[in-house]
Amino acid sequence: MLRSIVLLYFTFYLCSVHAQVTKGLTGVRDTSYSTYSAFQSTKKTFPDIRIVGEQPSKDVLEKRNLVYCTIGERNLEIDAFLPKNKKGKSPAVLIIHGGGWRSGNRAQHIPLAQRLAAVGYASFTVEYRLSTEALYPAAVNDLKAALRWLKANSKELNIDTGKVAVLGFSAGGELAAFVGATANNPAYEGKTCNLNFSSSVQAIVDIDGTLSFVHPDSGEGDDSRSTSAATYWFGYAKKDKPTLWHEASPLTHAANNKAPILFLNSSVDRMHAGRDDFREILNANKIYSEVHTFNGAPHSFCLFEPWFEPTVGYIVGFLDKVFKK
């Protein structure tokens, strides 16, 4: 009788545990989000916007398609934009693209990297494994590996390993905040590539990236019409594994964050869910932060004029304040 009860309970337990959903692992790159697709959508409301093109400079050395980590047979690549003829070592900025952890590409932020390099910040546009290829926390592992690669190659890149910033837009902004707040936490470092170097950063720039997947203001996890981007990334719906969604939120780790943060936001409130709560924790810990909101601006504002130029201005002003004080 007891054995039957135990078997019945075990069967019930197995049926109540939701298996991870892997249908999003298509192995095919999702190109649905790009600068051009965002432009086509955004110009319906903002007809005067302009795409920001690449801005090469004689003062910037470009090295593209460098490999920063190899996982199995998969090479992960990064592009370097290095200030020329600079006296002393340069602060470094790792730039993370958006696209719902599933789409987008690092080339979208080449203009930003070029501009930052032209004023003295060695900048790097980085790829990472998206949810068509690998589920959370693979992207986090990759980006931490990229930060370690910067430090392992600091001599060749002429960068100051004590002045490293991580910057991201949208999903990249969430990742930037998460990577920064979990610096040197072994649970997120991964198992390959320059593990004897630190992944810590000294500054974070979050451009319209959510700070919490489970905050009341968050729009992530609505699967009522179709599978949401975050559900694809986690492999679990929010209702099926809320503890994972909580753990993956930067806000959950805010108390451990040591780096000053710049928040740049559009008028889309749900894109900065948890930001004010995050700042309260930063204030309590005496960690500096700034917020600048582009009133009336769309989510993809940083890719277009008239918002690109002031975006660069805010970023440079913040980095100068943190690294040149």
C-alpha atoms as a PDB file:
ATOM      1  CA  MET A   1       0.000   0.000   0.000  1.00  0.00           C
ATOM      2  CA  LEU A   2       2.769   2.410   0.985  1.00  0.00           C
ATOM      3  CA  ARG A   3       4.669   1.567  -2.199  1.00  0.00           C
ATOM      4  CA  SER A   4       1.579   2.377  -4.281  1.00  0.00           C
ATOM      5  CA  ILE A   5       1.160   5.722  -2.551  1.00  0.00           C
ATOM      6  CA  VAL A   6       4.821   6.595  -3.147  1.00  0.00           C
ATOM      7  CA  LEU A   7       4.550   5.641  -6.827  1.00  0.00           C
ATOM      8  CA  LEU A   8       1.358   7.686  -7.183  1.00  0.00           C
ATOM      9  CA  TYR A   9       2.993  10.732  -5.586  1.00  0.00           C
ATOM     10  CA  PHE A  10       6.090  10.361  -7.743  1.00  0.00           C
ATOM     11  CA  THR A  11       3.980  10.118 -10.892  1.00  0.00           C
ATOM     12  CA  PHE A  12       2.042  13.225  -9.885  1.00  0.00           C
ATOM     13  CA  TYR A  13       5.321  15.066  -9.230  1.00  0.00           C
ATOM     14  CA  LEU A  14       6.715  14.189 -12.643  1.00  0.00           C
ATOM     15  CA  CYS A  15       3.557  15.320 -14.370  1.00  0.00           C
ATOM     16  CA  SER A  16       3.584  18.644 -12.498  1.00  0.00           C
ATOM     17  CA  VAL A  17       7.145  19.532 -13.485  1.00  0.00           C
ATOM     18  CA  HIS A  18       7.247  21.410 -16.768  1.00  0.00           C
ATOM     19  CA  ALA A  19       9.929  20.264 -19.168  1.00  0.00           C
ATOM     20  CA  GLN A  20      12.067  22.953 -20.765  1.00  0.00           C
ATOM     21  CA  VAL A  21      10.698  23.980 -24.149  1.00  0.00           C
ATOM     22  CA  THR A  22      13.335  23.837 -26.874  1.00  0.00           C
ATOM     23  CA  LYS A  23      11.226  24.553 -29.952  1.00  0.00           C
ATOM     24  CA  GLY A  24      12.957  27.900 -30.283  1.00  0.00           C
ATOM     25  CA  LEU A  25      16.319  26.227 -30.841  1.00  0.00           C
ATOM     26  CA  THR A  26      15.944  26.278 -34.612  1.00  0.00           C
ATOM     27  CA  GLY A  27      19.608  26.666 -35.462  1.00  0.00           C
ATOM     28  CA  VAL A  28      18.511  29.261 -38.012  1.00  0.00           C
ATOM     29  CA  ARG A  29      19.433  32.894 -37.400  1.00  0.00           C
ATOM     30  CA  ASP A  30      16.439  35.134 -36.739  1.00  0.00           C
ATOM     31  CA  THR A  31      16.825  38.316 -38.812  1.00  0.00           C
ATOM     32  CA  SER A  32      13.471  39.851 -37.903  1.00  0.00           C
ATOM     33  CA  TYR A  33      15.041  42.683 -35.905  1.00  0.00           C
ATOM     34  CA  SER A  34      17.542  44.880 -37.698  1.00  0.00           C
ATOM     35  CA  THR A  35      18.208  48.577 -37.981  1.00  0.00           C
ATOM     36  CA  TYR A  36      16.324  48.639 -41.277  1.00  0.00           C
ATOM     37  CA  SER A  37      13.294  46.733 -39.990  1.00  0.00           C
ATOM     38  CA  ALA A  38      13.162  49.026 -36.940  1.00  0.00           C
ATOM     39  CA  PHE A  39      13.443  52.028 -39.261  1.00  0.00           C
ATOM     40  CA  GLN A  40      10.575  50.844 -41.439  1.00  0.00           C
ATOM     41  CA  SER A  41       8.383  50.381 -38.396  1.00  0.00           C
ATOM     42  CA  THR A  42       9.414  53.552 -36.563  1.00  0.00           C
ATOM     43  CA  LYS A  43       9.208  55.961 -39.502  1.00  0.00           C
ATOM     44  CA  LYS A  44       5.433  55.416 -39.679  1.00  0.00           C
ATOM     45  CA  THR A  45       5.188  57.498 -36.510  1.00  0.00           C
ATOM     46  CA  PHE A  46       8.409  59.478 -36.888  1.00  0.00           C
ATOM     47  CA  PRO A  47       8.746  60.180 -40.644  1.00  0.00           C
ATOM     48  CA  ASP A  48      11.775  62.453 -40.243  1.00  0.00           C
ATOM     49  CA  ILE A  49      14.092  59.941 -38.566  1.00  0.00           C
ATOM     50  CA  ARG A  50      17.391  58.996 -40.216  1.00  0.00           C
ATOM     51  CA  ILE A  51      19.450  55.822 -39.945  1.00  0.00           C
ATOM     52  CA  VAL A  52      22.919  56.472 -38.555  1.00  0.00           C
ATOM     53  CA  GLY A  53      25.544  55.043 -40.910  1.00  0.00           C
ATOM     54  CA  GLU A  54      29.083  53.941 -40.157  1.00  0.00           C
ATOM     55  CA  GLN A  55      31.469  56.747 -39.270  1.00  0.00           C
ATOM     56  CA  PRO A  56      35.064  55.629 -39.905  1.00  0.00           C
ATOM     57  CA  SER A  57      37.800  57.947 -38.687  1.00  0.00           C
ATOM     58  CA  LYS A  58      41.492  58.336 -39.406  1.00  0.00           C
ATOM     59  CA  ASP A  59      41.916  58.444 -35.634  1.00  0.00           C
ATOM     60  CA  VAL A  60      40.434  54.981 -35.106  1.00  0.00           C
ATOM     61  CA  LEU A  61      41.989  51.593 -35.880  1.00  0.00           C
ATOM     62  CA  GLU A  62      39.392  48.952 -36.761  1.00  0.00           C
ATOM     63  CA  LYS A  63      39.897  45.215 -36.352  1.00  0.00           C
ATOM     64  CA  ARG A  64      36.853  43.176 -37.287  1.00  0.00           C
ATOM     65  CA  ASN A  65      35.819  39.542 -36.904  1.00  0.00           C
ATOM     66  CA  LEU A  66      38.252  38.694 -34.136  1.00  0.00           C
ATOM     67  CA  VAL A  67      37.534  35.472 -32.230  1.00  0.00           C
ATOM     68  CA  TYR A  68      37.149  35.976 -28.491  1.00  0.00           C
ATOM     69  CA  CYS A  69      36.041  32.475 -27.496  1.00  0.00           C
ATOM     70  CA  THR A  70      35.538  29.082 -29.128  1.00  0.00           C
ATOM     71  CA  ILE A  71      32.874  26.746 -27.785  1.00  0.00           C
ATOM     72  CA  GLY A  72      33.112  23.365 -29.438  1.00  0.00           C
ATOM     73  CA  GLU A  73      33.412  24.291 -33.105  1.00  0.00           C
ATOM     74  CA  ARG A  74      31.617  27.615 -32.637  1.00  0.00           C
ATOM     75  CA  ASN A  75      33.757  30.751 -32.894  1.00  0.00           C
ATOM     76  CA  LEU A  76      32.323  33.800 -31.154  1.00  0.00           C
ATOM     77  CA  GLU A  77      33.415  37.048 -32.772  1.00  0.00           C
ATOM     78  CA  ILE A  78      34.062  40.617 -31.720  1.00  0.00           C
ATOM     79  CA  ASP A  79      34.998  43.831 -33.549  1.00  0.00           C
ATOM     80  CA  ALA A  80      37.531  46.266 -32.084  1.00  0.00           C
ATOM     81  CA  PHE A  81      37.573  50.046 -32.589  1.00  0.00           C
ATOM     82  CA  LEU A  82      40.754  51.403 -31.051  1.00  0.00           C
ATOM     83  CA  PRO A  83      41.870  55.024 -30.588  1.00  0.00           C
ATOM     84  CA  LYS A  84      45.057  55.755 -32.532  1.00  0.00           C
ATOM     85  CA  ASN A  85      48.018  57.684 -31.196  1.00  0.00           C
ATOM     86  CA  LYS A  86      46.590  57.826 -27.686  1.00  0.00           C
ATOM     87  CA  LYS A  87      48.987  58.454 -24.849  1.00  0.00           C
ATOM     88  CA  GLY A  88      48.512  55.830 -22.201  1.00  0.00           C
ATOM     89  CA  LYS A  89      45.933  53.054 -22.056  1.00  0.00           C
ATOM     90  CA  SER A  90      42.325  53.579 -23.101  1.00  0.00           C
ATOM     91  CA  PRO A  91      39.205  52.765 -21.088  1.00  0.00           C
ATOM     92  CA  ALA A  92      37.226  49.993 -22.802  1.00  0.00           C
ATOM     93  CA  VAL A  93      33.526  49.673 -23.667  1.00  0.00           C
ATOM     94  CA  LEU A  94      31.884  46.347 -24.569  1.00  0.00           C
ATOM     95  CA  ILE A  95      28.739  47.028 -26.638  1.00  0.00           C
ATOM     96  CA  ILE A  96      25.869  44.505 -26.627  1.00  0.00           C
ATOM     97  CA  HIS A  97      23.146  44.590 -29.277  1.00  0.00           C
ATOM     98  CA  GLY A  98      19.438  44.060 -28.682  1.00  0.00           C
ATOM     99  CA  GLY A  99      16.802  42.001 -30.451  1.00  0.00           C
ATOM    100  CA  GLY A 100      14.900  40.126 -27.758  1.00  0.00           C
ATOM    101  CA  TRP A 101      17.776  37.722 -26.986  1.00  0.00           C
ATOM    102  CA  ARG A 102      16.838  36.133 -30.332  1.00  0.00           C
ATOM    103  CA  SER A 103      17.563  38.544 -33.170  1.00  0.00           C
ATOM    104  CA  GLY A 104      19.681  41.631 -33.926  1.00  0.00           C
ATOM    105  CA  ASN A 105      23.410  41.755 -34.641  1.00  0.00           C
ATOM    106  CA  ARG A 106      26.524  43.494 -33.422  1.00  0.00           C
ATOM    107  CA  ALA A 107      26.915  45.573 -36.606  1.00  0.00           C
ATOM    108  CA  GLN A 108      23.967  47.723 -35.508  1.00  0.00           C
ATOM    109  CA  HIS A 109      26.209  49.527 -33.022  1.00  0.00           C
ATOM    110  CA  ILE A 110      29.299  50.022 -35.162  1.00  0.00           C
ATOM    111  CA  PRO A 111      28.508  53.767 -35.562  1.00  0.00           C
ATOM    112  CA  LEU A 112      28.386  54.118 -31.773  1.00  0.00           C
ATOM    113  CA  ALA A 113      31.627  52.177 -31.342  1.00  0.00           C
ATOM    114  CA  GLN A 114      33.336  54.358 -33.938  1.00  0.00           C
ATOM    115  CA  ARG A 115      32.207  57.550 -32.244  1.00  0.00           C
ATOM    116  CA  LEU A 116      33.289  56.399 -28.794  1.00  0.00           C
ATOM    117  CA  ALA A 117      36.677  55.297 -30.108  1.00  0.00           C
ATOM    118  CA  ALA A 118      37.179  58.668 -31.793  1.00  0.00           C
ATOM    119  CA  VAL A 119      36.981  60.382 -28.377  1.00  0.00           C
ATOM    120  CA  GLY A 120      39.320  57.943 -26.654  1.00  0.00           C
ATOM    121  CA  TYR A 121      37.252  54.904 -25.601  1.00  0.00           C
ATOM    122  CA  ALA A 122      38.362  51.566 -27.050  1.00  0.00           C
ATOM    123  CA  SER A 123      35.042  50.053 -28.111  1.00  0.00           C
ATOM    124  CA  PHE A 124      34.034  46.521 -29.002  1.00  0.00           C
ATOM    125  CA  THR A 125      30.882  45.259 -30.702  1.00  0.00           C
ATOM    126  CA  VAL A 126      30.279  41.680 -29.648  1.00  0.00           C
ATOM    127  CA  GLU A 127      28.193  38.745 -30.814  1.00  0.00           C
ATOM    128  CA  TYR A 128      26.718  36.215 -28.404  1.00  0.00           C
ATOM    129  CA  ARG A 129      24.639  33.083 -28.746  1.00  0.00           C
ATOM    130  CA  LEU A 130      20.978  33.941 -29.265  1.00  0.00           C
ATOM    131  CA  SER A 131      17.966  31.839 -28.315  1.00  0.00           C
ATOM    132  CA  THR A 132      17.846  30.183 -31.728  1.00  0.00           C
ATOM    133  CA  GLU A 133      21.174  28.596 -30.790  1.00  0.00           C
ATOM    134  CA  ALA A 134      21.387  28.316 -27.009  1.00  0.00           C
ATOM    135  CA  LEU A 135      19.156  29.098 -24.038  1.00  0.00           C
ATOM    136  CA  TYR A 136      19.829  31.231 -20.970  1.00  0.00           C
ATOM    137  CA  PRO A 137      22.416  31.626 -19.476  1.00  0.00           C
ATOM    138  CA  ALA A 138      24.563  30.972 -22.585  1.00  0.00           C
ATOM    139  CA  ALA A 139      24.442  34.636 -23.644  1.00  0.00           C
ATOM    140  CA  VAL A 140      25.583  35.702 -20.185  1.00  0.00           C
ATOM    141  CA  ASN A 141      28.444  33.194 -20.255  1.00  0.00           C
ATOM    142  CA  ASP A 142      29.515  34.476 -23.679  1.00  0.00           C
ATOM    143  CA  LEU A 143      29.552  38.136 -22.662  1.00  0.00           C
ATOM    144  CA  LYS A 144      31.532  37.424 -19.536  1.00  0.00           C
ATOM    145  CA  ALA A 145      33.991  35.507 -21.717  1.00  0.00           C
ATOM    146  CA  ALA A 146      34.250  38.589 -23.942  1.00  0.00           C
ATOM    147  CA  LEU A 147      35.085  40.759 -20.937  1.00  0.00           C
ATOM    148  CA  ARG A 148      37.748  38.284 -19.867  1.00  0.00           C
ATOM    149  CA  TRP A 149      39.141  38.282 -23.420  1.00  0.00           C
ATOM    150  CA  LEU A 150      39.519  42.062 -23.283  1.00  0.00           C
ATOM    151  CA  LYS A 151      41.599  41.736 -20.146  1.00  0.00           C
ATOM    152  CA  ALA A 152      43.609  38.770 -21.414  1.00  0.00           C
ATOM    153  CA  ASN A 153      44.539  40.834 -24.486  1.00  0.00           C
ATOM    154  CA  SER A 154      44.809  44.208 -22.807  1.00  0.00           C
ATOM    155  CA  LYS A 155      48.416  44.753 -23.850  1.00  0.00           C
ATOM    156  CA  GLU A 156      47.721  44.248 -27.565  1.00  0.00           C
ATOM    157  CA  LEU A 157      44.517  46.299 -27.347  1.00  0.00           C
ATOM    158  CA  ASN A 158      46.164  48.998 -25.215  1.00  0.00           C
ATOM    159  CA  ILE A 159      43.268  49.113 -22.746  1.00  0.00           C
ATOM    160  CA  ASP A 160      43.123  49.876 -19.042  1.00  0.00           C
ATOM    161  CA  THR A 161      41.701  46.773 -17.345  1.00  0.00           C
ATOM    162  CA  GLY A 162      40.644  48.864 -14.368  1.00  0.00           C
ATOM    163  CA  LYS A 163      38.385  51.016 -16.559  1.00  0.00           C
ATOM    164  CA  VAL A 164      36.003  48.693 -18.393  1.00  0.00           C
ATOM    165  CA  ALA A 165      32.366  49.489 -19.141  1.00  0.00           C
ATOM    166  CA  VAL A 166      29.593  47.282 -20.468  1.00  0.00           C
ATOM    167  CA  LEU A 167      26.896  48.938 -22.591  1.00  0.00           C
ATOM    168  CA  GLY A 168      23.782  47.457 -24.130  1.00  0.00           C
ATOM    169  CA  PHE A 169      20.543  48.347 -25.879  1.00  0.00           C
ATOM    170  CA  SER A 170      17.158  46.681 -25.200  1.00  0.00           C
ATOM    171  CA  ALA A 171      17.869  42.969 -24.529  1.00  0.00           C
ATOM    172  CA  GLY A 172      21.507  44.053 -24.621  1.00  0.00           C
ATOM    173  CA  GLY A 173      20.754  46.614 -21.920  1.00  0.00           C
ATOM    174  CA  GLU A 174      19.268  43.923 -19.718  1.00  0.00           C
ATOM    175  CA  LEU A 175      22.326  41.781 -20.346  1.00  0.00           C
ATOM    176  CA  ALA A 176      24.690  44.671 -19.609  1.00  0.00           C
ATOM    177  CA  ALA A 177      23.011  45.274 -16.252  1.00  0.00           C
ATOM    178  CA  PHE A 178      22.953  41.574 -15.433  1.00  0.00           C
ATOM    179  CA  VAL A 179      26.576  40.968 -16.424  1.00  0.00           C
ATOM    180  CA  GLY A 180      27.672  44.001 -14.423  1.00  0.00           C
ATOM    181  CA  ALA A 181      25.685  43.106 -11.324  1.00  0.00           C
ATOM    182  CA  THR A 182      26.889  39.485 -11.271  1.00  0.00           C
ATOM    183  CA  ALA A 183      30.590  40.233 -11.727  1.00  0.00           C
ATOM    184  CA  ASN A 184      32.758  37.262 -10.743  1.00  0.00           C
ATOM    185  CA  ASN A 185      29.760  35.216  -9.623  1.00  0.00           C
ATOM    186  CA  PRO A 186      30.886  31.686 -10.590  1.00  0.00           C
ATOM    187  CA  ALA A 187      27.305  30.659 -11.376  1.00  0.00           C
ATOM    188  CA  TYR A 188      27.379  32.813 -14.523  1.00  0.00           C
ATOM    189  CA  GLU A 189      30.989  32.693 -15.693  1.00  0.00           C
ATOM    190  CA  GLY A 190      30.700  29.647 -17.927  1.00  0.00           C
ATOM    191  CA  LYS A 191      33.378  27.000 -18.215  1.00  0.00           C
ATOM    192  CA  THR A 192      35.619  28.119 -21.075  1.00  0.00           C
ATOM    193  CA  CYS A 193      37.883  30.927 -22.286  1.00  0.00           C
ATOM    194  CA  ASN A 194      40.343  32.901 -20.133  1.00  0.00           C
ATOM    195  CA  LEU A 195      38.855  31.803 -16.820  1.00  0.00           C
ATOM    196  CA  ASN A 196      41.874  33.128 -14.926  1.00  0.00           C
ATOM    197  CA  PHE A 197      40.778  36.710 -15.710  1.00  0.00           C
ATOM    198  CA  SER A 198      38.025  38.746 -14.071  1.00  0.00           C
ATOM    199  CA  SER A 199      34.720  39.649 -15.733  1.00  0.00           C
ATOM    200  CA  SER A 200      34.136  42.646 -13.455  1.00  0.00           C
ATOM    201  CA  VAL A 201      33.301  46.066 -14.905  1.00  0.00           C
ATOM    202  CA  GLN A 202      33.602  49.571 -13.531  1.00  0.00           C
ATOM    203  CA  ALA A 203      30.659  51.159 -15.379  1.00  0.00           C
ATOM    204  CA  ILE A 204      27.341  50.076 -16.932  1.00  0.00           C
ATOM    205  CA  VAL A 205      25.180  51.747 -19.575  1.00  0.00           C
ATOM    206  CA  ASP A 206      21.663  50.363 -19.939  1.00  0.00           C
ATOM    207  CA  ILE A 207      19.785  51.746 -22.943  1.00  0.00           C
ATOM    208  CA  ASP A 208      16.107  50.825 -22.573  1.00  0.00           C
ATOM    209  CA  GLY A 209      16.766  47.371 -21.157  1.00  0.00           C
ATOM    210  CA  THR A 210      14.427  45.896 -18.563  1.00  0.00           C
ATOM    211  CA  LEU A 211      15.751  45.434 -15.039  1.00  0.00           C
ATOM    212  CA  SER A 212      13.252  42.758 -14.075  1.00  0.00           C
ATOM    213  CA  PHE A 213      11.315  40.059 -15.876  1.00  0.00           C
ATOM    214  CA  VAL A 214       8.881  39.691 -12.957  1.00  0.00           C
ATOM    215  CA  HIS A 215       8.271  43.329 -11.988  1.00  0.00           C
ATOM    216  CA  PRO A 216       4.622  44.481 -12.170  1.00  0.00           C
ATOM    217  CA  ASP A 217       5.609  46.993 -14.872  1.00  0.00           C
ATOM    218  CA  SER A 218       7.369  44.392 -17.004  1.00  0.00           C
ATOM    219  CA  GLY A 219       5.884  43.449 -20.353  1.00  0.00           C
ATOM    220  CA  GLU A 220       8.005  40.324 -20.666  1.00  0.00           C
ATOM    221  CA  GLY A 221       6.398  36.895 -20.698  1.00  0.00           C
ATOM    222  CA  ASP A 222       3.043  37.551 -22.351  1.00  0.00           C
ATOM    223  CA  ASP A 223       2.512  34.369 -24.365  1.00  0.00           C
ATOM    224  CA  SER A 224      -1.200  34.924 -24.990  1.00  0.00           C
ATOM    225  CA  ARG A 225      -0.793  35.577 -28.725  1.00  0.00           C
ATOM    226  CA  SER A 226       2.558  33.990 -29.462  1.00  0.00           C
ATOM    227  CA  THR A 227       5.626  32.804 -27.612  1.00  0.00           C
ATOM    228  CA  SER A 228       7.375  35.806 -26.073  1.00  0.00           C
ATOM    229  CA  ALA A 229      11.039  36.560 -26.611  1.00  0.00           C
ATOM    230  CA  ALA A 230      11.899  35.897 -22.966  1.00  0.00           C
ATOM    231  CA  THR A 231      10.004  32.586 -22.962  1.00  0.00           C
ATOM    232  CA  TYR A 232      12.035  31.478 -25.973  1.00  0.00           C
ATOM    233  CA  TRP A 233      15.239  32.507 -24.185  1.00  0.00           C
ATOM    234  CA  PHE A 234      14.476  30.739 -20.911  1.00  0.00           C
ATOM    235  CA  GLY A 235      12.714  27.759 -22.414  1.00  0.00           C
ATOM    236  CA  TYR A 236      10.015  28.145 -19.766  1.00  0.00           C
ATOM    237  CA  ALA A 237       6.936  30.328 -19.564  1.00  0.00           C
ATOM    238  CA  LYS A 238       6.915  32.710 -16.603  1.00  0.00           C
ATOM    239  CA  LYS A 239       4.089  30.812 -14.906  1.00  0.00           C
ATOM    240  CA  ASP A 240       5.934  27.501 -15.285  1.00  0.00           C
ATOM    241  CA  LYS A 241       9.243  28.558 -13.727  1.00  0.00           C
ATOM    242  CA  PRO A 242       8.918  31.956 -12.017  1.00  0.00           C
ATOM    243  CA  THR A 243      12.026  31.344  -9.903  1.00  0.00           C
ATOM    244  CA  LEU A 244      14.160  31.253 -13.065  1.00  0.00           C
ATOM    245  CA  TRP A 245      12.648  34.494 -14.361  1.00  0.00           C
ATOM    246  CA  HIS A 246      13.355  36.081 -10.985  1.00  0.00           C
ATOM    247  CA  GLU A 247      16.935  34.801 -10.872  1.00  0.00           C
ATOM    248  CA  ALA A 248      17.641  36.092 -14.399  1.00  0.00           C
ATOM    249  CA  SER A 249      16.522  39.637 -13.526  1.00  0.00           C
ATOM    250  CA  PRO A 250      19.273  42.218 -12.933  1.00  0.00           C
ATOM    251  CA  LEU A 251      17.196  43.689 -10.096  1.00  0.00           C
ATOM    252  CA  THR A 252      17.595  40.450  -8.156  1.00  0.00           C
ATOM    253  CA  HIS A 253      21.365  41.032  -8.066  1.00  0.00           C
ATOM    254  CA  ALA A 254      21.333  44.816  -7.596  1.00  0.00           C
ATOM    255  CA  ALA A 255      22.658  44.648  -4.042  1.00  0.00           C
ATOM    256  CA  ASN A 256      25.856  43.027  -5.341  1.00  0.00           C
ATOM    257  CA  ASN A 257      26.452  45.637  -8.041  1.00  0.00           C
ATOM    258  CA  LYS A 258      29.473  47.880  -7.507  1.00  0.00           C
ATOM    259  CA  ALA A 259      29.554  49.760 -10.819  1.00  0.00           C
ATOM    260  CA  PRO A 260      28.012  53.187 -11.522  1.00  0.00           C
ATOM    261  CA  ILE A 261      25.129  52.971 -14.011  1.00  0.00           C
ATOM    262  CA  LEU A 262      23.745  55.230 -16.714  1.00  0.00           C
ATOM    263  CA  PHE A 263      20.131  54.554 -17.716  1.00  0.00           C
ATOM    264  CA  LEU A 264      19.004  55.965 -21.061  1.00  0.00           C
ATOM    265  CA  ASN A 265      15.319  55.462 -21.744  1.00  0.00           C
ATOM    266  CA  SER A 266      12.657  55.924 -24.384  1.00  0.00           C
ATOM    267  CA  SER A 267       9.056  56.853 -23.616  1.00  0.00           C
ATOM    268  CA  VAL A 268       8.106  53.152 -23.494  1.00  0.00           C
ATOM    269  CA  ASP A 269       7.717  52.608 -19.751  1.00  0.00           C
ATOM    270  CA  ARG A 270       7.775  48.810 -19.764  1.00  0.00           C
ATOM    271  CA  MET A 271      11.291  48.848 -21.229  1.00  0.00           C
ATOM    272  CA  HIS A 272      12.712  50.114 -17.947  1.00  0.00           C
ATOM    273  CA  ALA A 273      10.691  48.008 -15.537  1.00  0.00           C
ATOM    274  CA  GLY A 274      12.474  47.792 -12.195  1.00  0.00           C
ATOM    275  CA  ARG A 275      14.787  50.731 -12.885  1.00  0.00           C
ATOM    276  CA  ASP A 276      13.604  52.889  -9.977  1.00  0.00           C
ATOM    277  CA  ASP A 277      13.791  49.930  -7.584  1.00  0.00           C
ATOM    278  CA  PHE A 278      17.309  49.222  -8.837  1.00  0.00           C
ATOM    279  CA  ARG A 279      18.328  52.835  -8.243  1.00  0.00           C
ATOM    280  CA  GLU A 280      16.965  52.761  -4.698  1.00  0.00           C
ATOM    281  CA  ILE A 281      19.326  49.889  -3.957  1.00  0.00           C
ATOM    282  CA  LEU A 282      22.206  51.706  -5.640  1.00  0.00           C
ATOM    283  CA  ASN A 283      21.500  54.827  -3.581  1.00  0.00           C
ATOM    284  CA  ALA A 284      21.408  52.784  -0.372  1.00  0.00           C
ATOM    285  CA  ASN A 285      24.824  51.359  -1.289  1.00  0.00           C
ATOM    286  CA  LYS A 286      26.166  54.761  -2.360  1.00  0.00           C
ATOM    287  CA  ILE A 287      26.644  53.679  -5.985  1.00  0.00           C
ATOM    288  CA  TYR A 288      26.309  56.503  -8.513  1.00  0.00           C
ATOM    289  CA  SER A 289      23.630  56.400 -11.206  1.00  0.00           C
ATOM    290  CA  GLU A 290      22.069  58.706 -13.793  1.00  0.00           C
ATOM    291  CA  VAL A 291      18.802  58.622 -15.736  1.00  0.00           C
ATOM    292  CA  HIS A 292      18.047  60.464 -18.960  1.00  0.00           C
ATOM    293  CA  THR A 293      14.714  59.946 -20.700  1.00  0.00           C
ATOM    294  CA  PHE A 294      14.035  60.871 -24.314  1.00  0.00           C
ATOM    295  CA  ASN A 295      10.450  62.044 -23.963  1.00  0.00           C
ATOM    296  CA  GLY A 296       8.241  60.844 -26.799  1.00  0.00           C
ATOM    297  CA  ALA A 297      11.027  58.732 -28.312  1.00  0.00           C
ATOM    298  CA  PRO A 298      10.456  55.182 -29.637  1.00  0.00           C
ATOM    299  CA  HIS A 299      12.191  52.132 -28.218  1.00  0.00           C
ATOM    300  CA  SER A 300      14.859  51.969 -30.961  1.00  0.00           C
ATOM    301  CA  PHE A 301      15.764  55.634 -30.551  1.00  0.00           C
ATOM    302  CA  CYS A 302      19.506  55.092 -30.173  1.00  0.00           C
ATOM    303  CA  LEU A 303      19.803  53.752 -33.744  1.00  0.00           C
ATOM    304  CA  PHE A 304      18.426  56.898 -35.373  1.00  0.00           C
ATOM    305  CA  GLU A 305      18.788  60.635 -35.564  1.00  0.00           C
ATOM    306  CA  PRO A 306      17.662  62.920 -34.015  1.00  0.00           C
ATOM    307  CA  TRP A 307      18.378  60.810 -30.906  1.00  0.00           C
ATOM    308  CA  PHE A 308      21.747  59.244 -31.747  1.00  0.00           C
ATOM    309  CA  GLU A 309      23.806  62.391 -31.230  1.00  0.00           C
ATOM    310  CA  PRO A 310      22.448  63.219 -27.748  1.00  0.00           C
ATOM    311  CA  THR A 311      22.750  59.510 -26.853  1.00  0.00           C
ATOM    312  CA  VAL A 312      26.470  59.668 -27.635  1.00  0.00           C
ATOM    313  CA  GLY A 313      26.722  62.870 -25.611  1.00  0.00           C
ATOM    314  CA  TYR A 314      25.147  61.328 -22.518  1.00  0.00           C
ATOM    315  CA  ILE A 315      27.332  58.213 -22.770  1.00  0.00           C
ATOM    316  CA  VAL A 316      30.573  60.152 -23.178  1.00  0.00           C
ATOM    317  CA  GLY A 317      29.627  62.532 -20.364  1.00  0.00           C
ATOM    318  CA  PHE A 318      28.922  59.619 -18.031  1.00  0.00           C
ATOM    319  CA  LEU A 319      32.082  57.694 -18.924  1.00  0.00           C
ATOM    320  CA  ASP A 320      34.192  60.821 -18.543  1.00  0.00           C
ATOM    321  CA  LYS A 321      32.674  61.372 -15.109  1.00  0.00           C
ATOM    322  CA  VAL A 322      33.379  57.780 -14.010  1.00  0.00           C
ATOM    323  CA  PHE A 323      36.788  57.214 -15.629  1.00  0.00           C
ATOM    324  CA  LYS A 324      38.372  60.670 -15.743  1.00  0.00           C
ATOM    325  CA  LYS A 325      37.402  62.103 -12.391  1.00  0.00           C
END
